[in-house]
Amino acid sequence: MHPTENDFTAKEIDDVKYRLKSIFGGSVGNLVEWYDWYTYSAFALYFSPVFFPNSNPTAQLLNTAGIFAVGFLMRPIGGWLFGSIADKKGRKKSMALSVFIMAIGSLIIGLTPGYKQIGIFAPLLLVFARLIQGLSTGGEYGTSATYLSEMATKKHRGFYSSFQYVTLIGGQLLALGIQLILQNWLLTPSELHAWGWRIPFFIGAILSFIALYLRRHIDETSAFKRNKEDKKGGIAVLMKYPKEVFTVVGLTLGGTIAFYTFSTYMQKFLVNTVHLSKETSTTLSFVSLLVFAIMQPLFGLLSDKIGRKPLLIGFGVLGTLCTVPILTGLANETNTTIIFLLMIAALIIVSGYTSINAVVKAELFPAEIRALGVGLPYALTVAIFGGTAEYLALWFKNIGHENYFYWYVTGCILISLILYTTMKDTKHHSKIED
């Protein structure tokens, strides 16, 4: 009797180790992907004058935000391309290819001369690099969400899949952390503006190749292996799931705008609207995002206990009621402690979406169309709404009506809330087989 119990315990331990190793491998690649993606946003304050002729700071940021949005245009193509590869050839192959392409994009940005050296070719090369990175990132989300969800056990699926946003936020933290080190210890402001901003792009390329190695040595999911012979996939099959596709769009709409507003755009908002220094805004962004990352597994665990739907509704209700007061309060506040607390309040609200959105979408689709079903409608929604959020915020500010953006974010969250109240709880209606 005892040997059997011991063997069973050892088997359980081995299973946990196997899942953790796989999730770590997938997550590290995800972290590097998002580090490369967010480095552009984090260092835009420094390199925007290099690529564009001298003008007022808001106009320069509008130019770089415009190119940031252009990168999002490739994300639906990436969602389709890498989602199809993941469903037909394997999650592992798709994730390895996406991180390799991201490395190329980072190298191009790091090596491109400025406007003074090569004129119009400087911003054109910047656009090209962002298109490559957009393609890669568009494929990353659906495939990694699928991989992490399939590698998790049913009982802890919310917890394990929450690490997608832990690593996504971790990529942003890494970018901000390197920025803090460069700002405070290694380089002067003039050196950062002149050439120092290139360093994080070279770091990103190196990390991408490390992630490529790790991804080549992770295991394929059993869900894909079970359906390996049935390589239907593709858009034609996806069209058989219109309700699920619409659900992914509705799920994503309010969440992606809220996430980009309170994470990616927040650093610029603190400099451009709250009038904090670049160094202070970077520090506040770093610490708040660190807290945000820690919150994701906690919310994921909570979803495993009470379900996904209550968390989504909580985000929808609080996001609708609190977005305008929080952004208005930030815009008029001078006390850094209160500013930080307002940022944390916003990120707690957003966590109701970010922590579980990956698993909710993965639980909607069967294995043969899961990566494409998660990735393509998500990428389309993010391209239209998430990718333009920063540009819209700066545009409204430029025309003197910044508060219009606050109401725009609120309206989008409200639309998602309507969907949250009508959808089934995927924890109890999951299509992921164990």
Protein backbone atom coordinates (compact mmCIF):
# COMPACT_ATOMS: atom_id res chain seq x y z
CA MET A 1 0.00 0.00 0.00
CA HIS A 2 2.70 2.47 0.99
CA PRO A 3 4.82 2.08 -2.17
CA THR A 4 1.76 2.87 -4.29
CA GLU A 5 1.09 6.05 -2.29
CA ASN A 6 4.74 7.07 -2.56
CA ASP A 7 4.75 6.40 -6.29
CA PHE A 8 1.56 8.44 -6.70
CA THR A 9 3.06 11.33 -4.74
CA ALA A 10 6.24 11.24 -6.81
CA LYS A 11 4.15 11.19 -9.98
CA GLU A 12 2.21 14.22 -8.78
CA ILE A 13 5.43 16.09 -8.00
CA ASP A 14 6.87 15.21 -11.42
CA ASP A 15 3.67 16.43 -13.08
CA VAL A 16 3.86 19.78 -11.25
CA LYS A 17 7.54 20.14 -12.18
CA TYR A 18 6.75 19.36 -15.82
CA ARG A 19 3.94 21.94 -15.96
CA LEU A 20 6.01 24.60 -14.19
CA LYS A 21 8.96 24.04 -16.53
CA SER A 22 6.72 24.37 -19.57
CA ILE A 23 4.90 27.42 -18.26
CA PHE A 24 8.22 29.04 -17.32
CA GLY A 25 9.59 28.41 -20.82
CA GLY A 26 6.50 29.83 -22.46
CA SER A 27 6.34 32.76 -20.05
CA VAL A 28 9.98 33.79 -20.42
CA GLY A 29 9.51 34.08 -24.16
CA ASN A 30 6.36 36.09 -23.57
CA LEU A 31 8.25 38.40 -21.21
CA VAL A 32 10.94 39.07 -23.81
CA GLU A 33 8.35 39.66 -26.54
CA TRP A 34 6.62 42.30 -24.44
CA TYR A 35 9.88 43.81 -23.22
CA ASP A 36 10.81 44.48 -26.84
CA TRP A 37 7.34 45.84 -27.57
CA TYR A 38 7.20 48.16 -24.55
CA THR A 39 10.77 49.39 -24.83
CA TYR A 40 9.55 51.47 -27.75
CA SER A 41 6.92 53.14 -25.57
CA ALA A 42 9.15 53.54 -22.51
CA PHE A 43 11.95 55.26 -24.45
CA ALA A 44 9.77 57.27 -26.86
CA LEU A 45 10.31 60.32 -24.66
CA TYR A 46 14.00 60.16 -25.55
CA PHE A 47 14.19 59.03 -29.17
CA SER A 48 11.20 60.91 -30.66
CA PRO A 49 13.35 64.01 -31.43
CA VAL A 50 15.94 61.77 -33.17
CA PHE A 51 13.48 60.54 -35.80
CA PHE A 52 11.40 63.68 -36.28
CA PRO A 53 12.28 67.34 -36.97
CA ASN A 54 12.15 69.69 -34.01
CA SER A 55 8.64 70.62 -32.87
CA ASN A 56 6.71 70.81 -29.61
CA PRO A 57 6.98 67.76 -27.32
CA THR A 58 3.32 66.74 -27.70
CA ALA A 59 3.62 66.74 -31.51
CA GLN A 60 6.77 64.59 -31.31
CA LEU A 61 4.98 62.14 -29.03
CA LEU A 62 2.04 62.13 -31.44
CA ASN A 63 4.41 61.06 -34.23
CA THR A 64 5.92 58.22 -32.20
CA ALA A 65 2.49 57.22 -30.87
CA GLY A 66 1.27 57.14 -34.47
CA ILE A 67 4.03 54.67 -35.36
CA PHE A 68 3.20 52.74 -32.17
CA ALA A 69 -0.38 52.48 -33.53
CA VAL A 70 0.93 51.43 -36.98
CA GLY A 71 2.61 48.46 -35.31
CA PHE A 72 -0.81 47.36 -34.12
CA LEU A 73 -2.08 47.19 -37.72
CA MET A 74 0.08 44.10 -38.26
CA ARG A 75 -1.24 42.36 -35.17
CA PRO A 76 -4.35 40.86 -36.82
CA ILE A 77 -2.11 39.46 -39.57
CA GLY A 78 0.20 38.08 -36.87
CA GLY A 79 -2.80 36.66 -35.00
CA TRP A 80 -3.96 34.90 -38.15
CA LEU A 81 -0.51 33.71 -39.29
CA PHE A 82 0.87 32.45 -35.98
CA GLY A 83 -2.53 31.23 -34.78
CA SER A 84 -2.82 29.08 -37.92
CA ILE A 85 0.73 27.77 -37.46
CA ALA A 86 0.01 26.96 -33.80
CA ASP A 87 -3.18 25.07 -34.63
CA LYS A 88 -1.69 23.17 -37.59
CA LYS A 89 2.01 22.76 -36.74
CA GLY A 90 2.11 23.18 -32.97
CA ARG A 91 2.11 25.84 -30.24
CA LYS A 92 5.85 25.39 -29.69
CA LYS A 93 6.87 26.09 -33.31
CA SER A 94 4.66 29.16 -33.49
CA MET A 95 6.06 30.67 -30.28
CA ALA A 96 9.67 30.07 -31.34
CA LEU A 97 9.13 31.78 -34.70
CA SER A 98 7.37 34.80 -33.20
CA VAL A 99 10.17 35.56 -30.73
CA PHE A 100 12.79 35.26 -33.49
CA ILE A 101 10.97 37.86 -35.61
CA MET A 102 10.74 40.20 -32.62
CA ALA A 103 14.54 40.08 -32.28
CA ILE A 104 14.93 41.29 -35.88
CA GLY A 105 12.61 44.25 -35.27
CA SER A 106 14.55 45.33 -32.18
CA LEU A 107 17.87 45.15 -34.01
CA ILE A 108 16.57 47.40 -36.81
CA ILE A 109 15.41 50.09 -34.35
CA GLY A 110 18.68 49.93 -32.41
CA LEU A 111 20.79 50.31 -35.58
CA THR A 112 18.76 52.90 -37.53
CA PRO A 113 20.48 56.32 -37.86
CA GLY A 114 18.54 59.49 -36.98
CA TYR A 115 16.69 61.96 -39.19
CA LYS A 116 19.74 64.23 -39.40
CA GLN A 117 21.81 61.42 -40.91
CA ILE A 118 19.44 59.76 -43.40
CA GLY A 119 16.39 62.06 -43.54
CA ILE A 120 13.00 60.52 -44.26
CA PHE A 121 14.47 56.99 -44.29
CA ALA A 122 14.88 57.19 -40.49
CA PRO A 123 11.14 57.27 -39.66
CA LEU A 124 10.44 54.88 -42.56
CA LEU A 125 12.81 52.27 -41.09
CA LEU A 126 11.20 52.88 -37.69
CA VAL A 127 7.79 52.14 -39.22
CA PHE A 128 9.14 48.98 -40.89
CA ALA A 129 10.62 47.72 -37.60
CA ARG A 130 7.34 48.36 -35.79
CA LEU A 131 5.43 46.47 -38.47
CA ILE A 132 7.70 43.45 -37.91
CA GLN A 133 7.27 43.71 -34.15
CA GLY A 134 3.50 44.10 -34.56
CA LEU A 135 3.39 40.92 -36.62
CA SER A 136 5.31 39.06 -33.93
CA THR A 137 3.29 40.39 -30.99
CA GLY A 138 0.02 39.71 -32.79
CA GLY A 139 0.95 36.05 -32.96
CA GLU A 140 2.34 35.89 -29.45
CA TYR A 141 -0.84 36.55 -27.50
CA GLY A 142 -3.11 33.86 -28.93
CA THR A 143 -0.46 31.17 -29.00
CA SER A 144 0.95 31.81 -25.53
CA ALA A 145 -2.56 32.16 -24.04
CA THR A 146 -3.43 28.80 -25.59
CA TYR A 147 -0.18 27.18 -24.49
CA LEU A 148 -0.40 28.32 -20.86
CA SER A 149 -4.09 27.40 -20.59
CA GLU A 150 -3.52 23.94 -22.05
CA MET A 151 -0.51 23.27 -19.84
CA ALA A 152 -2.49 24.08 -16.68
CA THR A 153 -4.70 21.67 -14.75
CA LYS A 154 -8.43 22.36 -14.62
CA LYS A 155 -8.32 23.15 -10.90
CA HIS A 156 -5.60 25.81 -11.26
CA ARG A 157 -6.14 27.02 -14.82
CA GLY A 158 -6.91 30.61 -13.80
CA PHE A 159 -3.77 30.75 -11.65
CA TYR A 160 -1.38 29.33 -14.25
CA SER A 161 -2.76 31.30 -17.18
CA SER A 162 -2.52 34.55 -15.19
CA PHE A 163 1.24 34.33 -15.68
CA GLN A 164 0.73 35.54 -19.24
CA TYR A 165 0.02 39.00 -17.87
CA VAL A 166 2.63 38.60 -15.13
CA THR A 167 5.22 38.21 -17.87
CA LEU A 168 3.54 40.78 -20.11
CA ILE A 169 3.76 43.32 -17.27
CA GLY A 170 7.19 41.91 -16.44
CA GLY A 171 8.37 42.88 -19.91
CA GLN A 172 7.23 46.42 -19.28
CA LEU A 173 8.90 46.38 -15.85
CA LEU A 174 12.16 45.21 -17.38
CA ALA A 175 12.02 48.04 -19.92
CA LEU A 176 11.29 50.60 -17.19
CA GLY A 177 13.93 49.07 -14.88
CA ILE A 178 16.61 49.43 -17.55
CA GLN A 179 15.39 52.98 -18.13
CA LEU A 180 15.75 53.76 -14.40
CA ILE A 181 19.29 52.35 -14.33
CA LEU A 182 20.29 54.36 -17.41
CA GLN A 183 18.62 57.53 -16.09
CA ASN A 184 19.94 57.42 -12.53
CA TRP A 185 23.31 55.70 -12.66
CA LEU A 186 24.84 55.19 -16.08
CA LEU A 187 24.01 58.04 -18.46
CA THR A 188 23.31 61.75 -18.46
CA PRO A 189 20.04 63.07 -19.98
CA SER A 190 21.92 64.36 -23.02
CA GLU A 191 23.58 60.95 -23.57
CA LEU A 192 20.19 59.22 -23.29
CA HIS A 193 18.69 61.53 -25.90
CA ALA A 194 21.70 61.23 -28.21
CA TRP A 195 22.42 57.48 -28.22
CA GLY A 196 21.62 55.84 -24.87
CA TRP A 197 18.05 54.99 -25.90
CA ARG A 198 19.50 52.45 -28.37
CA ILE A 199 20.91 50.25 -25.57
CA PRO A 200 17.59 48.66 -24.48
CA PHE A 201 16.80 47.67 -28.07
CA PHE A 202 20.11 45.77 -28.33
CA ILE A 203 19.39 44.14 -24.94
CA GLY A 204 15.97 43.12 -26.27
CA ALA A 205 17.47 41.46 -29.33
CA ILE A 206 19.89 39.44 -27.15
CA LEU A 207 17.09 38.39 -24.78
CA SER A 208 14.96 37.34 -27.75
CA PHE A 209 17.61 34.87 -28.91
CA ILE A 210 17.85 33.48 -25.36
CA ALA A 211 14.06 33.05 -25.30
CA LEU A 212 14.24 31.34 -28.69
CA TYR A 213 16.61 28.76 -27.22
CA LEU A 214 14.31 28.16 -24.24
CA ARG A 215 11.23 27.78 -26.42
CA ARG A 216 12.92 25.23 -28.61
CA HIS A 217 13.35 23.05 -25.50
CA ILE A 218 9.82 23.13 -24.05
CA ASP A 219 7.25 20.37 -24.59
CA GLU A 220 4.25 20.55 -26.87
CA THR A 221 0.83 20.56 -25.16
CA SER A 222 -1.09 17.31 -24.90
CA ALA A 223 -4.21 19.07 -26.25
CA PHE A 224 -2.40 19.73 -29.55
CA LYS A 225 -0.91 16.22 -29.64
CA ARG A 226 -4.38 14.70 -29.27
CA ASN A 227 -5.61 16.70 -32.27
CA LYS A 228 -2.39 16.47 -34.27
CA GLU A 229 -3.90 14.38 -37.04
CA ASP A 230 -6.92 16.67 -37.38
CA LYS A 231 -5.27 19.72 -38.92
CA LYS A 232 -8.40 21.55 -40.02
CA GLY A 233 -7.78 24.99 -38.52
CA GLY A 234 -7.99 28.13 -40.64
CA ILE A 235 -10.46 30.97 -41.11
CA ALA A 236 -13.15 28.71 -42.60
CA VAL A 237 -13.29 26.64 -39.40
CA LEU A 238 -13.14 29.77 -37.21
CA MET A 239 -16.25 31.14 -38.96
CA LYS A 240 -18.20 28.22 -37.48
CA TYR A 241 -17.79 29.90 -34.09
CA PRO A 242 -19.26 33.40 -34.62
CA LYS A 243 -20.62 33.70 -31.07
CA GLU A 244 -17.22 32.85 -29.56
CA VAL A 245 -15.43 35.29 -31.90
CA PHE A 246 -17.86 38.06 -30.96
CA THR A 247 -17.34 37.21 -27.28
CA VAL A 248 -13.55 37.61 -27.63
CA VAL A 249 -14.05 41.03 -29.26
CA GLY A 250 -16.45 42.18 -26.54
CA LEU A 251 -14.26 40.78 -23.77
CA THR A 252 -11.22 42.61 -25.14
CA LEU A 253 -12.69 46.02 -26.01
CA GLY A 254 -12.92 47.68 -22.60
CA GLY A 255 -10.08 45.69 -21.08
CA THR A 256 -7.44 46.52 -23.67
CA ILE A 257 -8.21 50.25 -23.61
CA ALA A 258 -8.14 50.32 -19.81
CA PHE A 259 -4.89 48.35 -19.74
CA TYR A 260 -3.07 50.56 -22.24
CA THR A 261 -4.39 53.72 -20.58
CA PHE A 262 -3.23 52.79 -17.09
CA SER A 263 0.02 51.05 -18.04
CA THR A 264 1.63 52.01 -21.36
CA TYR A 265 0.23 55.54 -21.66
CA MET A 266 0.44 56.36 -17.94
CA GLN A 267 4.14 57.21 -18.01
CA LYS A 268 3.59 59.86 -20.70
CA PHE A 269 0.43 61.08 -18.96
CA LEU A 270 2.42 61.72 -15.78
CA VAL A 271 5.00 63.77 -17.71
CA ASN A 272 2.76 65.54 -20.19
CA THR A 273 -0.36 66.21 -18.09
CA VAL A 274 0.54 65.79 -14.40
CA HIS A 275 3.87 67.57 -15.11
CA LEU A 276 6.10 65.22 -13.14
CA SER A 277 9.73 64.77 -14.18
CA LYS A 278 10.64 61.89 -16.49
CA GLU A 279 12.58 60.24 -13.69
CA THR A 280 9.70 60.49 -11.17
CA SER A 281 7.14 59.24 -13.67
CA THR A 282 9.38 56.27 -14.54
CA THR A 283 9.81 55.39 -10.85
CA LEU A 284 6.08 55.61 -10.13
CA SER A 285 5.29 53.56 -13.23
CA PHE A 286 7.83 50.90 -12.25
CA VAL A 287 6.61 50.45 -8.67
CA SER A 288 2.92 50.48 -9.61
CA LEU A 289 3.46 47.92 -12.37
CA LEU A 290 5.41 45.70 -9.96
CA VAL A 291 2.39 45.69 -7.64
CA PHE A 292 0.18 45.07 -10.70
CA ALA A 293 2.23 42.01 -11.70
CA ILE A 294 2.00 40.54 -8.18
CA MET A 295 -1.79 40.97 -8.24
CA GLN A 296 -2.31 38.81 -11.36
CA PRO A 297 -1.83 35.32 -9.80
CA LEU A 298 -3.93 36.37 -6.80
CA PHE A 299 -6.83 37.33 -9.05
CA GLY A 300 -6.21 34.16 -11.08
CA LEU A 301 -6.48 32.06 -7.92
CA LEU A 302 -9.67 33.90 -6.99
CA SER A 303 -11.17 33.04 -10.38
CA ASP A 304 -10.42 29.35 -9.74
CA LYS A 305 -12.48 29.62 -6.54
CA ILE A 306 -15.44 31.84 -7.51
CA GLY A 307 -15.39 31.75 -11.32
CA ARG A 308 -14.26 34.08 -14.12
CA LYS A 309 -17.51 36.02 -14.57
CA PRO A 310 -17.59 37.80 -11.15
CA LEU A 311 -14.09 39.23 -11.77
CA LEU A 312 -15.03 40.48 -15.23
CA ILE A 313 -18.22 42.11 -13.92
CA GLY A 314 -16.24 43.69 -11.09
CA PHE A 315 -13.84 45.22 -13.61
CA GLY A 316 -16.73 46.40 -15.78
CA VAL A 317 -18.68 48.07 -12.98
CA LEU A 318 -15.71 49.71 -11.25
CA GLY A 319 -14.09 50.69 -14.55
CA THR A 320 -17.27 52.39 -15.71
CA LEU A 321 -17.76 54.27 -12.43
CA CYS A 322 -14.16 55.14 -11.53
CA THR A 323 -12.21 55.86 -14.75
CA VAL A 324 -13.21 59.52 -15.09
CA PRO A 325 -12.68 60.32 -11.36
CA ILE A 326 -9.28 58.58 -11.31
CA LEU A 327 -7.92 60.25 -14.47
CA THR A 328 -9.35 63.64 -13.45
CA GLY A 329 -7.83 63.24 -10.00
CA LEU A 330 -4.44 62.35 -11.47
CA ALA A 331 -4.50 65.32 -13.84
CA ASN A 332 -5.08 67.76 -10.97
CA GLU A 333 -2.94 66.16 -8.26
CA THR A 334 0.54 67.26 -7.16
CA ASN A 335 1.13 64.94 -4.18
CA THR A 336 3.12 61.94 -5.45
CA THR A 337 1.72 59.62 -2.74
CA ILE A 338 -1.86 60.32 -3.81
CA ILE A 339 -0.85 60.00 -7.47
CA PHE A 340 0.64 56.57 -6.72
CA LEU A 341 -2.46 55.43 -4.81
CA LEU A 342 -4.72 56.51 -7.67
CA MET A 343 -2.55 54.54 -10.09
CA ILE A 344 -2.76 51.44 -7.87
CA ALA A 345 -6.54 51.80 -7.56
CA ALA A 346 -6.83 51.85 -11.36
CA LEU A 347 -4.58 48.79 -11.75
CA ILE A 348 -6.54 46.83 -9.12
CA ILE A 349 -9.69 47.46 -11.16
CA VAL A 350 -7.99 46.47 -14.42
CA SER A 351 -6.71 43.24 -12.82
CA GLY A 352 -10.25 41.86 -12.93
CA TYR A 353 -9.76 41.68 -16.69
CA THR A 354 -6.02 41.18 -17.23
CA SER A 355 -5.56 38.26 -14.82
CA ILE A 356 -8.09 35.97 -16.50
CA ASN A 357 -8.76 37.26 -20.02
CA ALA A 358 -6.37 34.73 -21.59
CA VAL A 359 -7.94 31.68 -19.97
CA VAL A 360 -11.50 32.90 -20.59
CA LYS A 361 -10.80 33.20 -24.33
CA ALA A 362 -8.94 29.87 -24.50
CA GLU A 363 -11.85 28.13 -22.74
CA LEU A 364 -14.23 29.26 -25.50
CA PHE A 365 -12.70 27.21 -28.35
CA PRO A 366 -11.88 23.55 -29.12
CA ALA A 367 -8.20 22.63 -29.53
CA GLU A 368 -8.10 22.52 -33.34
CA ILE A 369 -9.01 26.22 -33.66
CA ARG A 370 -8.06 27.56 -30.21
CA ALA A 371 -4.91 29.58 -30.98
CA LEU A 372 -6.47 31.25 -34.02
CA GLY A 373 -9.80 31.75 -32.21
CA VAL A 374 -8.08 33.50 -29.32
CA GLY A 375 -5.45 35.38 -31.32
CA LEU A 376 -7.20 36.81 -34.40
CA PRO A 377 -10.31 38.52 -32.92
CA TYR A 378 -8.20 39.70 -29.97
CA ALA A 379 -5.57 41.18 -32.31
CA LEU A 380 -8.23 42.92 -34.43
CA THR A 381 -9.80 44.50 -31.34
CA VAL A 382 -6.46 45.58 -29.90
CA ALA A 383 -5.36 47.01 -33.26
CA ILE A 384 -8.48 49.16 -33.54
CA PHE A 385 -8.87 50.21 -29.91
CA GLY A 386 -5.77 49.38 -27.82
CA GLY A 387 -3.29 50.55 -30.44
CA THR A 388 -5.04 53.88 -30.93
CA ALA A 389 -5.69 54.63 -27.24
CA GLU A 390 -2.41 56.48 -26.69
CA TYR A 391 -2.73 58.41 -29.96
CA LEU A 392 -6.32 59.44 -29.15
CA ALA A 393 -5.34 60.57 -25.65
CA LEU A 394 -2.57 62.78 -27.04
CA TRP A 395 -4.82 64.06 -29.85
CA PHE A 396 -7.56 65.12 -27.43
CA LYS A 397 -4.92 66.84 -25.30
CA ASN A 398 -3.50 68.62 -28.34
CA ILE A 399 -6.91 70.09 -29.24
CA GLY A 400 -7.56 71.15 -25.65
CA HIS A 401 -10.16 68.53 -24.63
CA GLU A 402 -8.16 65.86 -22.81
CA ASN A 403 -11.14 64.90 -20.62
CA TYR A 404 -12.98 63.56 -23.71
CA PHE A 405 -10.56 60.65 -23.66
CA TYR A 406 -11.57 59.78 -20.09
CA TRP A 407 -15.19 59.40 -21.21
CA TYR A 408 -14.15 57.41 -24.26
CA VAL A 409 -12.39 54.83 -22.05
CA THR A 410 -15.45 54.70 -19.78
CA GLY A 411 -17.81 54.10 -22.70
CA CYS A 412 -15.73 51.21 -24.03
CA ILE A 413 -15.60 49.54 -20.60
CA LEU A 414 -19.39 49.91 -20.32
CA ILE A 415 -19.88 48.10 -23.64
CA SER A 416 -17.74 45.21 -22.38
CA LEU A 417 -19.67 45.17 -19.10
CA ILE A 418 -22.89 44.51 -21.02
CA LEU A 419 -21.25 41.42 -22.55
CA TYR A 420 -19.86 40.25 -19.21
CA THR A 421 -23.35 40.22 -17.70
CA THR A 422 -24.79 38.07 -20.52
CA MET A 423 -22.00 35.52 -21.14
CA LYS A 424 -21.61 32.11 -19.51
CA ASP A 425 -18.87 31.59 -16.91
CA THR A 426 -16.18 29.71 -18.86
CA LYS A 427 -14.86 28.11 -15.65
CA HIS A 428 -17.98 25.94 -15.69
CA HIS A 429 -18.34 25.69 -19.51
CA SER A 430 -14.72 25.19 -20.62
CA LYS A 431 -13.82 23.51 -23.92
CA ILE A 432 -10.27 22.76 -22.76
CA GLU A 433 -9.87 19.03 -22.21
CA ASP A 434 -7.74 17.75 -19.33
